[in-house]
Amino acid sequence: IETIKTKNITDEKQVTACLKAGGNCGSCLPEIRGLI
């Protein structure tokens, strides 16, 4: 959430680029999209 707000993120790929989250199995991507 902090990364989304400070970097004005609009896409889950940007979260993955910053934190790696979602970049392996991808099962958390729906939750990341929900947080965005």
Full PDB file with SEQRES, HELIX, SHEET, SSBOND, CRYST1, ORIGX, SCALE, CONECT and MASTER records, all heavy atoms in Angstrom:
SEQRES   1 A   36  ILE GLU THR ILE LYS THR LYS ASN ILE THR ASP GLU LYS          
SEQRES   2 A   36  GLN VAL THR ALA CYS LEU LYS ALA GLY GLY ASN CYS GLY          
SEQRES   3 A   36  SER CYS LEU PRO GLU ILE ARG GLY LEU ILE                      
HELIX    1 AA1 GLU A    2  THR A    6  1                                   5    
HELIX    2 AA2 GLU A   12  LEU A   19  1                                   8    
HELIX    3 AA3 LEU A   29  LEU A   35  1                                   7    
CRYST1    1.000    1.000    1.000  90.00  90.00  90.00 P 1           1          
ORIGX1      1.000000  0.000000  0.000000        0.00000                         
ORIGX2      0.000000  1.000000  0.000000        0.00000                         
ORIGX3      0.000000  0.000000  1.000000        0.00000                         
SCALE1      1.000000  0.000000  0.000000        0.00000                         
SCALE2      0.000000  1.000000  0.000000        0.00000                         
SCALE3      0.000000  0.000000  1.000000        0.00000                         
ATOM      1  N   ILE A   1       0.835  -1.205   0.000  1.00  0.00           N  
ATOM      2  CA  ILE A   1       0.000   0.000   0.000  1.00  0.00           C  
ATOM      3  C   ILE A   1       0.871   1.256   0.000  1.00  0.00           C  
ATOM      4  O   ILE A   1       0.604   2.223  -0.741  1.00  0.00           O  
ATOM      5  CB  ILE A   1      -0.951  -0.009   1.216  1.00  0.00           C  
ATOM      6  CG1 ILE A   1      -2.012  -1.102   1.037  1.00  0.00           C  
ATOM      7  CG2 ILE A   1      -1.614   1.352   1.402  1.00  0.00           C  
ATOM      8  CD1 ILE A   1      -2.908  -1.300   2.238  1.00  0.00           C  
ATOM      9  N   GLU A   2       1.916   1.253   0.827  1.00  0.00           N  
ATOM     10  CA  GLU A   2       2.808   2.417   0.883  1.00  0.00           C  
ATOM     11  C   GLU A   2       3.471   2.673  -0.466  1.00  0.00           C  
ATOM     12  O   GLU A   2       3.576   3.816  -0.925  1.00  0.00           O  
ATOM     13  CB  GLU A   2       3.875   2.187   1.952  1.00  0.00           C  
ATOM     14  CG  GLU A   2       4.830   3.359   2.107  1.00  0.00           C  
ATOM     15  CD  GLU A   2       5.936   3.086   3.112  1.00  0.00           C  
ATOM     16  OE1 GLU A   2       5.945   1.974   3.690  1.00  0.00           O  
ATOM     17  OE2 GLU A   2       6.789   3.965   3.303  1.00  0.00           O  
ATOM     18  N   THR A   3       3.893   1.590  -1.132  1.00  0.00           N  
ATOM     19  CA  THR A   3       4.533   1.732  -2.445  1.00  0.00           C  
ATOM     20  C   THR A   3       3.543   2.244  -3.483  1.00  0.00           C  
ATOM     21  O   THR A   3       3.884   3.100  -4.316  1.00  0.00           O  
ATOM     22  CB  THR A   3       5.114   0.380  -2.896  1.00  0.00           C  
ATOM     23  OG1 THR A   3       6.030  -0.099  -1.913  1.00  0.00           O  
ATOM     24  CG2 THR A   3       5.839   0.509  -4.226  1.00  0.00           C  
ATOM     25  N   ILE A   4       2.309   1.741  -3.467  1.00  0.00           N  
ATOM     26  CA  ILE A   4       1.269   2.194  -4.406  1.00  0.00           C  
ATOM     27  C   ILE A   4       1.039   3.689  -4.252  1.00  0.00           C  
ATOM     28  O   ILE A   4       0.958   4.427  -5.248  1.00  0.00           O  
ATOM     29  CB  ILE A   4      -0.044   1.413  -4.175  1.00  0.00           C  
ATOM     30  CG1 ILE A   4       0.125  -0.053  -4.579  1.00  0.00           C  
ATOM     31  CG2 ILE A   4      -1.196   2.048  -4.974  1.00  0.00           C  
ATOM     32  CD1 ILE A   4      -1.033  -0.942  -4.150  1.00  0.00           C  
ATOM     33  N   LYS A   5       0.956   4.145  -3.002  1.00  0.00           N  
ATOM     34  CA  LYS A   5       0.644   5.554  -2.752  1.00  0.00           C  
ATOM     35  C   LYS A   5       1.820   6.473  -3.069  1.00  0.00           C  
ATOM     36  O   LYS A   5       1.648   7.523  -3.687  1.00  0.00           O  
ATOM     37  CB  LYS A   5       0.220   5.746  -1.296  1.00  0.00           C  
ATOM     38  CG  LYS A   5      -1.147   5.122  -0.982  1.00  0.00           C  
ATOM     39  CD  LYS A   5      -1.522   5.328   0.471  1.00  0.00           C  
ATOM     40  CE  LYS A   5      -2.918   4.778   0.759  1.00  0.00           C  
ATOM     41  NZ  LYS A   5      -3.296   4.959   2.189  1.00  0.00           N  
ATOM     42  N   THR A   6       3.015   6.086  -2.656  1.00  0.00           N  
ATOM     43  CA  THR A   6       4.167   6.976  -2.855  1.00  0.00           C  
ATOM     44  C   THR A   6       4.601   7.045  -4.315  1.00  0.00           C  
ATOM     45  O   THR A   6       5.114   8.069  -4.758  1.00  0.00           O  
ATOM     46  CB  THR A   6       5.361   6.516  -1.992  1.00  0.00           C  
ATOM     47  OG1 THR A   6       5.670   5.144  -2.289  1.00  0.00           O  
ATOM     48  CG2 THR A   6       5.026   6.655  -0.516  1.00  0.00           C  
ATOM     49  N   LYS A   7       4.376   5.976  -5.060  1.00  0.00           N  
ATOM     50  CA  LYS A   7       4.808   5.959  -6.459  1.00  0.00           C  
ATOM     51  C   LYS A   7       3.654   6.103  -7.448  1.00  0.00           C  
ATOM     52  O   LYS A   7       3.838   5.947  -8.659  1.00  0.00           O  
ATOM     53  CB  LYS A   7       5.589   4.668  -6.752  1.00  0.00           C  
ATOM     54  CG  LYS A   7       6.882   4.550  -5.942  1.00  0.00           C  
ATOM     55  CD  LYS A   7       7.685   3.341  -6.346  1.00  0.00           C  
ATOM     56  CE  LYS A   7       8.989   3.249  -5.557  1.00  0.00           C  
ATOM     57  NZ  LYS A   7       9.906   4.353  -5.867  1.00  0.00           N  
ATOM     58  N   ASN A   8       2.443   6.380  -6.912  1.00  0.00           N  
ATOM     59  CA  ASN A   8       1.255   6.554  -7.771  1.00  0.00           C  
ATOM     60  C   ASN A   8       1.077   5.395  -8.754  1.00  0.00           C  
ATOM     61  O   ASN A   8       0.883   5.581  -9.959  1.00  0.00           O  
ATOM     62  CB  ASN A   8       1.343   7.887  -8.543  1.00  0.00           C  
ATOM     63  CG  ASN A   8       1.346   9.084  -7.612  1.00  0.00           C  
ATOM     64  OD1 ASN A   8       0.572   9.128  -6.663  1.00  0.00           O  
ATOM     65  ND2 ASN A   8       2.224  10.047  -7.879  1.00  0.00           N  
ATOM     66  N   ILE A   9       1.138   4.190  -8.241  1.00  0.00           N  
ATOM     67  CA  ILE A   9       1.073   2.990  -9.070  1.00  0.00           C  
ATOM     68  C   ILE A   9      -0.356   2.735  -9.523  1.00  0.00           C  
ATOM     69  O   ILE A   9      -1.307   2.865  -8.748  1.00  0.00           O  
ATOM     70  CB  ILE A   9       1.637   1.786  -8.288  1.00  0.00           C  
ATOM     71  CG1 ILE A   9       3.179   1.882  -8.266  1.00  0.00           C  
ATOM     72  CG2 ILE A   9       1.191   0.458  -8.875  1.00  0.00           C  
ATOM     73  CD1 ILE A   9       3.855   0.838  -7.425  1.00  0.00           C  
ATOM     74  N   THR A  10      -0.504   2.352 -10.792  1.00  0.00           N  
ATOM     75  CA  THR A  10      -1.832   2.076 -11.357  1.00  0.00           C  
ATOM     76  C   THR A  10      -1.944   0.668 -11.933  1.00  0.00           C  
ATOM     77  O   THR A  10      -3.015   0.284 -12.407  1.00  0.00           O  
ATOM     78  CB  THR A  10      -2.149   3.084 -12.481  1.00  0.00           C  
ATOM     79  OG1 THR A  10      -1.129   3.001 -13.494  1.00  0.00           O  
ATOM     80  CG2 THR A  10      -2.195   4.514 -11.938  1.00  0.00           C  
ATOM     81  N   ASP A  11      -0.871  -0.101 -11.907  1.00  0.00           N  
ATOM     82  CA  ASP A  11      -0.868  -1.431 -12.525  1.00  0.00           C  
ATOM     83  C   ASP A  11      -0.054  -2.384 -11.666  1.00  0.00           C  
ATOM     84  O   ASP A  11       0.979  -1.998 -11.099  1.00  0.00           O  
ATOM     85  CB  ASP A  11      -0.277  -1.356 -13.941  1.00  0.00           C  
ATOM     86  CG  ASP A  11      -0.385  -2.672 -14.671  1.00  0.00           C  
ATOM     87  OD1 ASP A  11      -1.401  -2.910 -15.346  1.00  0.00           O  
ATOM     88  OD2 ASP A  11       0.561  -3.486 -14.573  1.00  0.00           O  
ATOM     89  N   GLU A  12      -0.513  -3.642 -11.565  1.00  0.00           N  
ATOM     90  CA  GLU A  12       0.182  -4.600 -10.703  1.00  0.00           C  
ATOM     91  C   GLU A  12       1.606  -4.877 -11.166  1.00  0.00           C  
ATOM     92  O   GLU A  12       2.476  -5.256 -10.375  1.00  0.00           O  
ATOM     93  CB  GLU A  12      -0.596  -5.919 -10.611  1.00  0.00           C  
ATOM     94  CG  GLU A  12      -0.697  -6.715 -11.897  1.00  0.00           C  
ATOM     95  CD  GLU A  12      -1.949  -6.372 -12.702  1.00  0.00           C  
ATOM     96  OE1 GLU A  12      -2.534  -5.308 -12.459  1.00  0.00           O  
ATOM     97  OE2 GLU A  12      -2.327  -7.189 -13.560  1.00  0.00           O  
ATOM     98  N   LYS A  13       1.893  -4.703 -12.470  1.00  0.00           N  
ATOM     99  CA  LYS A  13       3.248  -4.915 -12.967  1.00  0.00           C  
ATOM    100  C   LYS A  13       4.229  -3.931 -12.357  1.00  0.00           C  
ATOM    101  O   LYS A  13       5.407  -4.243 -12.173  1.00  0.00           O  
ATOM    102  CB  LYS A  13       3.275  -4.823 -14.491  1.00  0.00           C  
ATOM    103  CG  LYS A  13       2.540  -5.955 -15.197  1.00  0.00           C  
ATOM    104  CD  LYS A  13       2.618  -5.811 -16.707  1.00  0.00           C  
ATOM    105  CE  LYS A  13       1.871  -6.952 -17.403  1.00  0.00           C  
ATOM    106  NZ  LYS A  13       1.904  -6.803 -18.878  1.00  0.00           N  
ATOM    107  N   GLN A  14       3.742  -2.732 -12.033  1.00  0.00           N  
ATOM    108  CA  GLN A  14       4.597  -1.743 -11.388  1.00  0.00           C  
ATOM    109  C   GLN A  14       4.949  -2.175  -9.964  1.00  0.00           C  
ATOM    110  O   GLN A  14       6.063  -1.938  -9.493  1.00  0.00           O  
ATOM    111  CB  GLN A  14       3.887  -0.378 -11.378  1.00  0.00           C  
ATOM    112  CG  GLN A  14       3.671   0.217 -12.767  1.00  0.00           C  
ATOM    113  CD  GLN A  14       2.774   1.442 -12.709  1.00  0.00           C  
ATOM    114  OE1 GLN A  14       1.572   1.324 -12.504  1.00  0.00           O  
ATOM    115  NE2 GLN A  14       3.369   2.609 -12.853  1.00  0.00           N  
ATOM    116  N   VAL A  15       3.984  -2.801  -9.278  1.00  0.00           N  
ATOM    117  CA  VAL A  15       4.256  -3.330  -7.942  1.00  0.00           C  
ATOM    118  C   VAL A  15       5.321  -4.408  -8.016  1.00  0.00           C  
ATOM    119  O   VAL A  15       6.261  -4.451  -7.218  1.00  0.00           O  
ATOM    120  CB  VAL A  15       2.968  -3.887  -7.291  1.00  0.00           C  
ATOM    121  CG1 VAL A  15       3.279  -4.573  -5.963  1.00  0.00           C  
ATOM    122  CG2 VAL A  15       1.951  -2.775  -7.078  1.00  0.00           C  
ATOM    123  N   THR A  16       5.188  -5.290  -8.996  1.00  0.00           N  
ATOM    124  CA  THR A  16       6.176  -6.363  -9.177  1.00  0.00           C  
ATOM    125  C   THR A  16       7.551  -5.786  -9.466  1.00  0.00           C  
ATOM    126  O   THR A  16       8.562  -6.256  -8.938  1.00  0.00           O  
ATOM    127  CB  THR A  16       5.747  -7.300 -10.315  1.00  0.00           C  
ATOM    128  OG1 THR A  16       4.465  -7.853 -10.007  1.00  0.00           O  
ATOM    129  CG2 THR A  16       6.752  -8.423 -10.502  1.00  0.00           C  
ATOM    130  N   ALA A  17       7.608  -4.743 -10.283  1.00  0.00           N  
ATOM    131  CA  ALA A  17       8.887  -4.115 -10.617  1.00  0.00           C  
ATOM    132  C   ALA A  17       9.553  -3.504  -9.393  1.00  0.00           C  
ATOM    133  O   ALA A  17      10.783  -3.548  -9.253  1.00  0.00           O  
ATOM    134  CB  ALA A  17       8.679  -3.049 -11.687  1.00  0.00           C  
ATOM    135  N   CYS A  18       8.747  -2.969  -8.477  1.00  0.00           N  
ATOM    136  CA  CYS A  18       9.295  -2.310  -7.286  1.00  0.00           C  
ATOM    137  C   CYS A  18       9.632  -3.289  -6.168  1.00  0.00           C  
ATOM    138  O   CYS A  18      10.660  -3.153  -5.498  1.00  0.00           O  
ATOM    139  CB  CYS A  18       8.307  -1.266  -6.762  1.00  0.00           C  
ATOM    140  SG  CYS A  18       8.041   0.146  -7.859  1.00  0.00           S  
ATOM    141  N   LEU A  19       8.752  -4.273  -5.948  1.00  0.00           N  
ATOM    142  CA  LEU A  19       8.855  -5.128  -4.762  1.00  0.00           C  
ATOM    143  C   LEU A  19       9.030  -6.609  -5.061  1.00  0.00           C  
ATOM    144  O   LEU A  19       9.171  -7.404  -4.133  1.00  0.00           O  
ATOM    145  CB  LEU A  19       7.595  -4.946  -3.895  1.00  0.00           C  
ATOM    146  CG  LEU A  19       7.269  -3.531  -3.439  1.00  0.00           C  
ATOM    147  CD1 LEU A  19       5.937  -3.517  -2.694  1.00  0.00           C  
ATOM    148  CD2 LEU A  19       8.367  -2.985  -2.553  1.00  0.00           C  
ATOM    149  N   LYS A  20       8.944  -6.998  -6.330  1.00  0.00           N  
ATOM    150  CA  LYS A  20       8.974  -8.400  -6.768  1.00  0.00           C  
ATOM    151  C   LYS A  20       7.657  -9.137  -6.486  1.00  0.00           C  
ATOM    152  O   LYS A  20       7.436 -10.219  -7.021  1.00  0.00           O  
ATOM    153  CB  LYS A  20      10.125  -9.180  -6.134  1.00  0.00           C  
ATOM    154  CG  LYS A  20      11.513  -8.727  -6.550  1.00  0.00           C  
ATOM    155  CD  LYS A  20      12.569  -9.659  -5.977  1.00  0.00           C  
ATOM    156  CE  LYS A  20      13.960  -9.264  -6.420  1.00  0.00           C  
ATOM    157  NZ  LYS A  20      14.994 -10.171  -5.870  1.00  0.00           N  
ATOM    158  N   ALA A  21       6.811  -8.562  -5.645  1.00  0.00           N  
ATOM    159  CA  ALA A  21       5.558  -9.230  -5.282  1.00  0.00           C  
ATOM    160  C   ALA A  21       4.737  -9.548  -6.525  1.00  0.00           C  
ATOM    161  O   ALA A  21       4.534  -8.690  -7.382  1.00  0.00           O  
ATOM    162  CB  ALA A  21       4.748  -8.343  -4.332  1.00  0.00           C  
ATOM    163  N   GLY A  22       4.281 -10.799  -6.630  1.00  0.00           N  
ATOM    164  CA  GLY A  22       3.506 -11.219  -7.794  1.00  0.00           C  
ATOM    165  C   GLY A  22       4.343 -11.701  -8.944  1.00  0.00           C  
ATOM    166  O   GLY A  22       3.814 -12.132  -9.970  1.00  0.00           O  
ATOM    167  N   GLY A  23       5.659 -11.660  -8.782  1.00  0.00           N  
ATOM    168  CA  GLY A  23       6.539 -12.001  -9.905  1.00  0.00           C  
ATOM    169  C   GLY A  23       6.924 -13.458  -9.986  1.00  0.00           C  
ATOM    170  O   GLY A  23       7.662 -13.848 -10.887  1.00  0.00           O  
ATOM    171  N   ASN A  24       6.441 -14.294  -9.047  1.00  0.00           N  
ATOM    172  CA  ASN A  24       6.795 -15.712  -9.104  1.00  0.00           C  
ATOM    173  C   ASN A  24       5.580 -16.551  -9.470  1.00  0.00           C  
ATOM    174  O   ASN A  24       5.300 -16.771 -10.644  1.00  0.00           O  
ATOM    175  CB  ASN A  24       7.400 -16.162  -7.776  1.00  0.00           C  
ATOM    176  CG  ASN A  24       8.010 -17.545  -7.855  1.00  0.00           C  
ATOM    177  OD1 ASN A  24       8.584 -17.917  -8.873  1.00  0.00           O  
ATOM    178  ND2 ASN A  24       7.878 -18.321  -6.799  1.00  0.00           N  
ATOM    179  N   CYS A  25       4.803 -16.986  -8.485  1.00  0.00           N  
ATOM    180  CA  CYS A  25       3.655 -17.856  -8.792  1.00  0.00           C  
ATOM    181  C   CYS A  25       2.446 -17.061  -9.279  1.00  0.00           C  
ATOM    182  O   CYS A  25       1.570 -17.608  -9.954  1.00  0.00           O  
ATOM    183  CB  CYS A  25       3.278 -18.699  -7.578  1.00  0.00           C  
ATOM    184  SG  CYS A  25       2.495 -17.770  -6.245  1.00  0.00           S  
ATOM    185  N   GLY A  26       2.359 -15.764  -8.912  1.00  0.00           N  
ATOM    186  CA  GLY A  26       1.267 -14.917  -9.388  1.00  0.00           C  
ATOM    187  C   GLY A  26      -0.034 -15.047  -8.621  1.00  0.00           C  
ATOM    188  O   GLY A  26      -1.006 -14.361  -8.940  1.00  0.00           O  
ATOM    189  N   SER A  27      -0.074 -15.899  -7.593  1.00  0.00           N  
ATOM    190  CA  SER A  27      -1.342 -16.115  -6.889  1.00  0.00           C  
ATOM    191  C   SER A  27      -1.795 -14.887  -6.106  1.00  0.00           C  
ATOM    192  O   SER A  27      -2.974 -14.768  -5.755  1.00  0.00           O  
ATOM    193  CB  SER A  27      -1.223 -17.316  -5.953  1.00  0.00           C  
ATOM    194  OG  SER A  27      -0.235 -17.080  -4.972  1.00  0.00           O  
ATOM    195  N   CYS A  28      -0.874 -13.969  -5.810  1.00  0.00           N  
ATOM    196  CA  CYS A  28      -1.245 -12.776  -5.049  1.00  0.00           C  
ATOM    197  C   CYS A  28      -1.651 -11.602  -5.932  1.00  0.00           C  
ATOM    198  O   CYS A  28      -2.042 -10.547  -5.425  1.00  0.00           O  
ATOM    199  CB  CYS A  28      -0.093 -12.353  -4.130  1.00  0.00           C  
ATOM    200  SG  CYS A  28       1.428 -11.932  -5.016  1.00  0.00           S  
ATOM    201  N   LEU A  29      -1.564 -11.740  -7.251  1.00  0.00           N  
ATOM    202  CA  LEU A  29      -1.872 -10.625  -8.149  1.00  0.00           C  
ATOM    203  C   LEU A  29      -3.304 -10.107  -8.000  1.00  0.00           C  
ATOM    204  O   LEU A  29      -3.515  -8.890  -8.009  1.00  0.00           O  
ATOM    205  CB  LEU A  29      -1.583 -11.022  -9.598  1.00  0.00           C  
ATOM    206  CG  LEU A  29      -0.098 -11.152  -9.965  1.00  0.00           C  
ATOM    207  CD1 LEU A  29       0.066 -11.680 -11.383  1.00  0.00           C  
ATOM    208  CD2 LEU A  29       0.609  -9.804  -9.826  1.00  0.00           C  
ATOM    209  N   PRO A  30      -4.317 -10.987  -7.840  1.00  0.00           N  
ATOM    210  CA  PRO A  30      -5.674 -10.448  -7.630  1.00  0.00           C  
ATOM    211  C   PRO A  30      -5.764  -9.552  -6.396  1.00  0.00           C  
ATOM    212  O   PRO A  30      -6.426  -8.508  -6.433  1.00  0.00           O  
ATOM    213  CB  PRO A  30      -6.533 -11.712  -7.474  1.00  0.00           C  
ATOM    214  CG  PRO A  30      -5.788 -12.767  -8.220  1.00  0.00           C  
ATOM    215  CD  PRO A  30      -4.347 -12.460  -7.989  1.00  0.00           C  
ATOM    216  N   GLU A  31      -5.094  -9.943  -5.300  1.00  0.00           N  
ATOM    217  CA  GLU A  31      -5.117  -9.120  -4.085  1.00  0.00           C  
ATOM    218  C   GLU A  31      -4.387  -7.809  -4.317  1.00  0.00           C  
ATOM    219  O   GLU A  31      -4.819  -6.752  -3.836  1.00  0.00           O  
ATOM    220  CB  GLU A  31      -4.500  -9.884  -2.917  1.00  0.00           C  
ATOM    221  CG  GLU A  31      -4.639  -9.158  -1.592  1.00  0.00           C  
ATOM    222  CD  GLU A  31      -4.205  -9.989  -0.401  1.00  0.00           C  
ATOM    223  OE1 GLU A  31      -3.844 -11.170  -0.592  1.00  0.00           O  
ATOM    224  OE2 GLU A  31      -4.225  -9.451   0.717  1.00  0.00           O  
ATOM    225  N   ILE A  32      -3.278  -7.857  -5.064  1.00  0.00           N  
ATOM    226  CA  ILE A  32      -2.539  -6.620  -5.366  1.00  0.00           C  
ATOM    227  C   ILE A  32      -3.399  -5.688  -6.204  1.00  0.00           C  
ATOM    228  O   ILE A  32      -3.441  -4.469  -5.961  1.00  0.00           O  
ATOM    229  CB  ILE A  32      -1.216  -6.953  -6.085  1.00  0.00           C  
ATOM    230  CG1 ILE A  32      -0.271  -7.687  -5.125  1.00  0.00           C  
ATOM    231  CG2 ILE A  32      -0.548  -5.691  -6.615  1.00  0.00           C  
ATOM    232  CD1 ILE A  32       1.005  -8.197  -5.768  1.00  0.00           C  
ATOM    233  N   ARG A  33      -4.120  -6.235  -7.195  1.00  0.00           N  
ATOM    234  CA  ARG A  33      -5.007  -5.399  -8.012  1.00  0.00           C  
ATOM    235  C   ARG A  33      -6.088  -4.769  -7.134  1.00  0.00           C  
ATOM    236  O   ARG A  33      -6.468  -3.605  -7.333  1.00  0.00           O  
ATOM    237  CB  ARG A  33      -5.645  -6.238  -9.129  1.00  0.00           C  
ATOM    238  CG  ARG A  33      -4.692  -6.552 -10.279  1.00  0.00           C  
ATOM    239  CD  ARG A  33      -5.432  -7.093 -11.481  1.00  0.00           C  
ATOM    240  NE  ARG A  33      -5.883  -8.459 -11.266  1.00  0.00           N  
ATOM    241  CZ  ARG A  33      -5.191  -9.549 -11.604  1.00  0.00           C  
ATOM    242  NH1 ARG A  33      -4.003  -9.404 -12.161  1.00  0.00           N  
ATOM    243  NH2 ARG A  33      -5.667 -10.760 -11.389  1.00  0.00           N  
ATOM    244  N   GLY A  34      -6.584  -5.536  -6.165  1.00  0.00           N  
ATOM    245  CA  GLY A  34      -7.592  -5.003  -5.252  1.00  0.00           C  
ATOM    246  C   GLY A  34      -7.043  -3.869  -4.401  1.00  0.00           C  
ATOM    247  O   GLY A  34      -7.744  -2.866  -4.162  1.00  0.00           O  
ATOM    248  N   LEU A  35      -5.795  -3.979  -3.954  1.00  0.00           N  
ATOM    249  CA  LEU A  35      -5.181  -2.920  -3.161  1.00  0.00           C  
ATOM    250  C   LEU A  35      -4.979  -1.659  -4.000  1.00  0.00           C  
ATOM    251  O   LEU A  35      -5.168  -0.539  -3.508  1.00  0.00           O  
ATOM    252  CB  LEU A  35      -3.844  -3.401  -2.599  1.00  0.00           C  
ATOM    253  CG  LEU A  35      -3.911  -4.520  -1.547  1.00  0.00           C  
ATOM    254  CD1 LEU A  35      -2.494  -4.994  -1.179  1.00  0.00           C  
ATOM    255  CD2 LEU A  35      -4.644  -4.048  -0.303  1.00  0.00           C  
ATOM    256  N   ILE A  36      -4.606  -1.846  -5.269  1.00  0.00           N  
ATOM    257  CA  ILE A  36      -4.443  -0.691  -6.166  1.00  0.00           C  
ATOM    258  C   ILE A  36      -5.788   0.012  -6.323  1.00  0.00           C  
ATOM    259  O   ILE A  36      -5.864   1.273  -6.246  1.00  0.00           O  
ATOM    260  CB  ILE A  36      -3.891  -1.133  -7.537  1.00  0.00           C  
ATOM    261  CG1 ILE A  36      -2.451  -1.654  -7.383  1.00  0.00           C  
ATOM    262  CG2 ILE A  36      -3.938   0.011  -8.537  1.00  0.00           C  
ATOM    263  CD1 ILE A  36      -1.889  -2.300  -8.642  1.00  0.00           C  
TER     264      ILE A  36                                                      
MASTER        0    0    0    3    0    0    0    6  263    1    0    3          
END                                                                             
